[in-house]
Amino acid sequence: MDLQSLPVGQRINALVKALNGAKRTNEALARCRNGEEMLDVLLDASAKLGLGLTREQLASTPPIRDWVWWKNKEAVFTIGDNKPRYQQDGGQGQQPSGERRRFLGLF
């Protein structure tokens, strides 16, 4: 069976399953300083497995897209005052003194 003929989502799932228990690859991913280095490791793993995934496919398809986001500490989207969601959650809902929250008028 030609793995490259599978849809991108199925090839990503195959890569994720192959990474489960792959000690050296997981250690290499943990040593990466940012998402771009992670993509390099994942591209290499994809090539070794014959999946033929591109950098763009890896960067835009979950769950790998989310791993890269997490490594870069960048929010996929922002809420409120343009603070990434993970920074907004740090105060656990407490409003900083002296600042007013803005109502976005979503309803």
N, C-alpha and C. Protein backbone atom coordinates (compact mmCIF):
# COMPACT_ATOMS: atom_id res chain seq x y z
N MET A 1 0.85 -1.19 0.00
CA MET A 1 0.00 0.00 0.00
C MET A 1 0.89 1.24 0.00
N ASP A 2 0.56 2.19 -0.86
CA ASP A 2 1.32 3.43 -0.95
C ASP A 2 0.77 4.42 0.08
N LEU A 3 1.56 4.68 1.12
CA LEU A 3 1.11 5.57 2.19
C LEU A 3 0.91 7.00 1.71
N GLN A 4 1.66 7.41 0.70
CA GLN A 4 1.54 8.78 0.21
C GLN A 4 0.21 9.03 -0.50
N SER A 5 -0.52 7.98 -0.84
CA SER A 5 -1.81 8.16 -1.49
C SER A 5 -2.94 8.39 -0.49
N LEU A 6 -2.66 8.19 0.80
CA LEU A 6 -3.67 8.42 1.84
C LEU A 6 -3.92 9.92 2.01
N PRO A 7 -5.11 10.30 2.49
CA PRO A 7 -5.36 11.71 2.80
C PRO A 7 -4.39 12.20 3.89
N VAL A 8 -4.16 13.49 3.92
CA VAL A 8 -3.20 14.10 4.85
C VAL A 8 -3.53 13.73 6.30
N GLY A 9 -4.79 13.79 6.67
CA GLY A 9 -5.18 13.48 8.05
C GLY A 9 -4.79 12.07 8.46
N GLN A 10 -4.95 11.13 7.56
CA GLN A 10 -4.59 9.74 7.87
C GLN A 10 -3.07 9.57 7.95
N ARG A 11 -2.34 10.30 7.10
CA ARG A 11 -0.88 10.22 7.17
C ARG A 11 -0.36 10.85 8.46
N ILE A 12 -0.99 11.95 8.89
CA ILE A 12 -0.62 12.57 10.17
C ILE A 12 -0.89 11.60 11.31
N ASN A 13 -2.05 10.95 11.28
CA ASN A 13 -2.37 9.97 12.33
C ASN A 13 -1.36 8.82 12.35
N ALA A 14 -0.93 8.38 11.18
CA ALA A 14 0.08 7.32 11.11
C ALA A 14 1.40 7.78 11.72
N LEU A 15 1.76 9.03 11.47
CA LEU A 15 2.99 9.59 12.05
C LEU A 15 2.88 9.67 13.56
N VAL A 16 1.75 10.14 14.06
CA VAL A 16 1.55 10.25 15.50
C VAL A 16 1.62 8.87 16.16
N LYS A 17 1.00 7.88 15.55
CA LYS A 17 1.05 6.52 16.09
C LYS A 17 2.47 5.97 16.08
N ALA A 18 3.23 6.29 15.04
CA ALA A 18 4.61 5.83 14.95
C ALA A 18 5.49 6.50 16.01
N LEU A 19 5.14 7.72 16.38
CA LEU A 19 5.92 8.44 17.39
C LEU A 19 5.68 7.90 18.79
N ASN A 20 4.56 7.24 18.98
CA ASN A 20 4.24 6.68 20.29
C ASN A 20 5.23 5.56 20.61
N GLY A 21 6.08 5.80 21.57
CA GLY A 21 7.08 4.81 21.96
C GLY A 21 8.40 4.93 21.23
N ALA A 22 8.52 5.89 20.30
CA ALA A 22 9.77 6.11 19.58
C ALA A 22 10.67 7.00 20.44
N LYS A 23 11.46 6.36 21.29
CA LYS A 23 12.23 7.08 22.31
C LYS A 23 13.17 8.13 21.72
N ARG A 24 13.96 7.77 20.73
CA ARG A 24 14.93 8.72 20.18
C ARG A 24 14.25 9.93 19.52
N THR A 25 13.20 9.67 18.77
CA THR A 25 12.49 10.78 18.11
C THR A 25 11.84 11.68 19.14
N ASN A 26 11.23 11.10 20.17
CA ASN A 26 10.60 11.91 21.21
C ASN A 26 11.63 12.73 21.98
N GLU A 27 12.82 12.15 22.23
CA GLU A 27 13.88 12.92 22.89
C GLU A 27 14.35 14.06 22.01
N ALA A 28 14.45 13.82 20.70
CA ALA A 28 14.84 14.87 19.76
C ALA A 28 13.79 15.99 19.74
N LEU A 29 12.52 15.62 19.78
CA LEU A 29 11.45 16.63 19.81
C LEU A 29 11.51 17.45 21.09
N ALA A 30 11.81 16.80 22.20
CA ALA A 30 11.90 17.51 23.49
C ALA A 30 13.07 18.48 23.51
N ARG A 31 14.15 18.18 22.80
CA ARG A 31 15.32 19.07 22.77
C ARG A 31 15.13 20.27 21.86
N CYS A 32 14.15 20.24 21.01
CA CYS A 32 13.92 21.35 20.07
C CYS A 32 13.65 22.64 20.82
N ARG A 33 14.25 23.72 20.33
CA ARG A 33 14.07 25.02 20.98
C ARG A 33 12.82 25.74 20.51
N ASN A 34 12.31 25.37 19.33
CA ASN A 34 11.12 26.03 18.81
C ASN A 34 10.38 25.10 17.85
N GLY A 35 9.28 25.59 17.36
CA GLY A 35 8.44 24.78 16.48
C GLY A 35 9.09 24.46 15.15
N GLU A 36 9.94 25.34 14.64
CA GLU A 36 10.61 25.08 13.36
C GLU A 36 11.55 23.88 13.48
N GLU A 37 12.26 23.79 14.61
CA GLU A 37 13.13 22.63 14.82
C GLU A 37 12.30 21.36 14.96
N MET A 38 11.14 21.47 15.60
CA MET A 38 10.24 20.31 15.70
C MET A 38 9.81 19.84 14.31
N LEU A 39 9.47 20.80 13.46
CA LEU A 39 9.04 20.44 12.11
C LEU A 39 10.16 19.73 11.36
N ASP A 40 11.42 20.14 11.57
CA ASP A 40 12.54 19.46 10.93
C ASP A 40 12.60 17.99 11.36
N VAL A 41 12.45 17.74 12.66
CA VAL A 41 12.48 16.37 13.19
C VAL A 41 11.31 15.57 12.62
N LEU A 42 10.13 16.18 12.60
CA LEU A 42 8.94 15.48 12.11
C LEU A 42 9.00 15.22 10.61
N LEU A 43 9.59 16.14 9.85
CA LEU A 43 9.78 15.91 8.42
C LEU A 43 10.69 14.71 8.17
N ASP A 44 11.74 14.62 8.96
CA ASP A 44 12.66 13.49 8.85
C ASP A 44 11.94 12.17 9.17
N ALA A 45 11.14 12.20 10.25
CA ALA A 45 10.39 10.99 10.63
C ALA A 45 9.39 10.62 9.54
N SER A 46 8.73 11.60 8.96
CA SER A 46 7.78 11.34 7.88
C SER A 46 8.47 10.72 6.68
N ALA A 47 9.65 11.24 6.35
CA ALA A 47 10.39 10.71 5.21
C ALA A 47 10.82 9.25 5.46
N LYS A 48 11.28 8.96 6.68
CA LYS A 48 11.72 7.60 7.00
C LYS A 48 10.56 6.60 6.95
N LEU A 49 9.36 7.08 7.28
CA LEU A 49 8.18 6.22 7.25
C LEU A 49 7.54 6.14 5.87
N GLY A 50 8.01 6.98 4.94
CA GLY A 50 7.45 7.00 3.59
C GLY A 50 6.10 7.67 3.50
N LEU A 51 5.83 8.61 4.43
CA LEU A 51 4.53 9.28 4.44
C LEU A 51 4.47 10.46 3.48
N GLY A 52 5.60 11.05 3.15
CA GLY A 52 5.63 12.13 2.18
C GLY A 52 4.92 13.41 2.61
N LEU A 53 4.90 13.67 3.90
CA LEU A 53 4.26 14.90 4.39
C LEU A 53 5.16 16.10 4.15
N THR A 54 4.55 17.24 3.85
CA THR A 54 5.32 18.47 3.65
C THR A 54 5.34 19.27 4.95
N ARG A 55 6.24 20.23 5.01
CA ARG A 55 6.34 21.12 6.17
C ARG A 55 5.01 21.84 6.39
N GLU A 56 4.40 22.31 5.31
CA GLU A 56 3.12 23.03 5.40
C GLU A 56 2.01 22.13 5.95
N GLN A 57 1.96 20.89 5.48
CA GLN A 57 0.95 19.95 5.97
C GLN A 57 1.13 19.67 7.46
N LEU A 58 2.37 19.50 7.88
CA LEU A 58 2.64 19.27 9.30
C LEU A 58 2.25 20.48 10.14
N ALA A 59 2.58 21.67 9.65
CA ALA A 59 2.34 22.90 10.41
C ALA A 59 0.87 23.28 10.47
N SER A 60 0.05 22.75 9.57
CA SER A 60 -1.34 23.18 9.54
C SER A 60 -2.35 22.11 9.93
N THR A 61 -1.90 20.92 10.28
CA THR A 61 -2.82 19.82 10.59
C THR A 61 -2.68 19.40 12.04
N PRO A 62 -3.82 19.39 12.80
CA PRO A 62 -3.75 18.92 14.18
C PRO A 62 -3.46 17.42 14.21
N PRO A 63 -2.84 16.91 15.21
CA PRO A 63 -2.40 17.56 16.43
C PRO A 63 -1.01 18.18 16.33
N ILE A 64 -0.31 17.95 15.23
CA ILE A 64 1.05 18.48 15.12
C ILE A 64 1.04 20.00 15.10
N ARG A 65 0.06 20.60 14.44
CA ARG A 65 -0.07 22.06 14.45
C ARG A 65 -0.11 22.57 15.88
N ASP A 66 -0.83 21.88 16.77
CA ASP A 66 -0.95 22.29 18.15
C ASP A 66 0.34 22.08 18.93
N TRP A 67 1.09 21.03 18.59
CA TRP A 67 2.39 20.81 19.24
C TRP A 67 3.33 21.95 18.92
N VAL A 68 3.34 22.37 17.64
CA VAL A 68 4.21 23.47 17.21
C VAL A 68 3.78 24.76 17.90
N TRP A 69 2.48 25.00 17.97
CA TRP A 69 1.97 26.18 18.67
C TRP A 69 2.43 26.17 20.12
N TRP A 70 2.32 25.04 20.77
CA TRP A 70 2.68 24.93 22.19
C TRP A 70 4.18 25.17 22.38
N LYS A 71 5.00 24.62 21.50
CA LYS A 71 6.45 24.79 21.59
C LYS A 71 6.84 26.25 21.40
N ASN A 72 6.15 26.94 20.49
CA ASN A 72 6.43 28.35 20.23
C ASN A 72 5.77 29.28 21.25
N LYS A 73 4.89 28.74 22.08
CA LYS A 73 4.14 29.53 23.06
C LYS A 73 3.37 30.67 22.38
N GLU A 74 2.78 30.34 21.24
CA GLU A 74 1.98 31.31 20.50
C GLU A 74 0.55 30.82 20.45
N ALA A 75 -0.36 31.72 20.70
CA ALA A 75 -1.77 31.35 20.66
C ALA A 75 -2.25 31.22 19.22
N VAL A 76 -3.09 30.25 18.98
CA VAL A 76 -3.70 30.09 17.67
C VAL A 76 -4.64 31.27 17.39
N PHE A 77 -5.29 31.76 18.43
CA PHE A 77 -6.15 32.93 18.33
C PHE A 77 -6.09 33.68 19.65
N THR A 78 -6.54 34.93 19.64
CA THR A 78 -6.52 35.73 20.86
C THR A 78 -7.93 36.17 21.20
N ILE A 79 -8.11 36.53 22.46
CA ILE A 79 -9.41 36.96 22.95
C ILE A 79 -9.21 38.24 23.74
N GLY A 80 -10.15 39.16 23.66
CA GLY A 80 -10.09 40.35 24.50
C GLY A 80 -9.05 41.35 24.04
N ASP A 81 -8.12 41.66 24.90
CA ASP A 81 -7.15 42.73 24.66
C ASP A 81 -5.92 42.25 23.88
N ASN A 82 -6.11 41.36 22.94
CA ASN A 82 -5.05 40.83 22.10
C ASN A 82 -3.97 40.11 22.88
N LYS A 83 -4.31 39.60 24.06
CA LYS A 83 -3.38 38.76 24.81
C LYS A 83 -3.64 37.32 24.41
N PRO A 84 -2.58 36.56 24.18
CA PRO A 84 -2.83 35.14 23.89
C PRO A 84 -3.60 34.48 25.02
N ARG A 85 -4.40 33.52 24.66
CA ARG A 85 -5.29 32.86 25.62
C ARG A 85 -4.53 32.31 26.83
N TYR A 86 -3.35 31.71 26.62
CA TYR A 86 -2.63 31.14 27.75
C TYR A 86 -2.18 32.22 28.72
N GLN A 87 -1.96 33.47 28.26
CA GLN A 87 -1.59 34.56 29.16
C GLN A 87 -2.82 35.06 29.91
N GLN A 88 -3.96 35.08 29.24
CA GLN A 88 -5.18 35.52 29.90
C GLN A 88 -5.57 34.58 31.02
N ASP A 89 -5.34 33.30 30.84
CA ASP A 89 -5.73 32.32 31.84
C ASP A 89 -4.85 32.35 33.08
N GLY A 90 -3.69 32.98 33.00
CA GLY A 90 -2.76 33.01 34.12
C GLY A 90 -3.34 33.62 35.38
N GLY A 91 -4.22 34.61 35.25
CA GLY A 91 -4.82 35.26 36.41
C GLY A 91 -6.04 34.53 36.93
N GLN A 92 -6.42 33.45 36.31
CA GLN A 92 -7.57 32.64 36.68
C GLN A 92 -8.82 33.47 36.88
N GLY A 93 -9.07 34.34 35.91
CA GLY A 93 -10.30 35.11 35.91
C GLY A 93 -10.27 36.37 36.77
N GLN A 94 -9.16 36.66 37.41
CA GLN A 94 -9.10 37.86 38.23
C GLN A 94 -8.74 39.05 37.36
N GLN A 95 -9.46 40.11 37.53
CA GLN A 95 -9.21 41.30 36.75
C GLN A 95 -8.06 42.08 37.37
N PRO A 96 -7.02 42.42 36.59
CA PRO A 96 -5.92 43.20 37.14
C PRO A 96 -6.41 44.55 37.64
N SER A 97 -5.84 45.00 38.73
CA SER A 97 -6.29 46.27 39.31
C SER A 97 -5.97 47.41 38.36
N GLY A 98 -6.91 48.33 38.24
CA GLY A 98 -6.72 49.51 37.42
C GLY A 98 -7.09 49.32 35.96
N GLU A 99 -7.38 48.14 35.53
CA GLU A 99 -7.76 47.92 34.14
C GLU A 99 -9.23 47.54 34.05
N ARG A 100 -9.88 48.04 33.02
CA ARG A 100 -11.26 47.66 32.76
C ARG A 100 -11.30 46.63 31.66
N ARG A 101 -12.16 45.69 31.81
CA ARG A 101 -12.35 44.72 30.73
C ARG A 101 -13.28 45.32 29.69
N ARG A 102 -12.98 45.00 28.46
CA ARG A 102 -13.82 45.49 27.37
C ARG A 102 -14.86 44.44 27.00
N PHE A 103 -16.05 44.90 26.78
CA PHE A 103 -17.10 44.01 26.29
C PHE A 103 -17.01 44.00 24.76
N LEU A 104 -16.94 42.83 24.18
CA LEU A 104 -16.77 42.72 22.75
C LEU A 104 -18.07 42.81 21.97
N GLY A 105 -19.20 42.78 22.67
CA GLY A 105 -20.47 42.88 21.99
C GLY A 105 -20.78 41.72 21.08
N LEU A 106 -20.53 40.53 21.54
CA LEU A 106 -20.75 39.35 20.70
C LEU A 106 -22.19 38.92 20.63
N PHE A 107 -23.03 39.42 21.52
CA PHE A 107 -24.43 38.99 21.54
C PHE A 107 -25.35 40.09 21.14
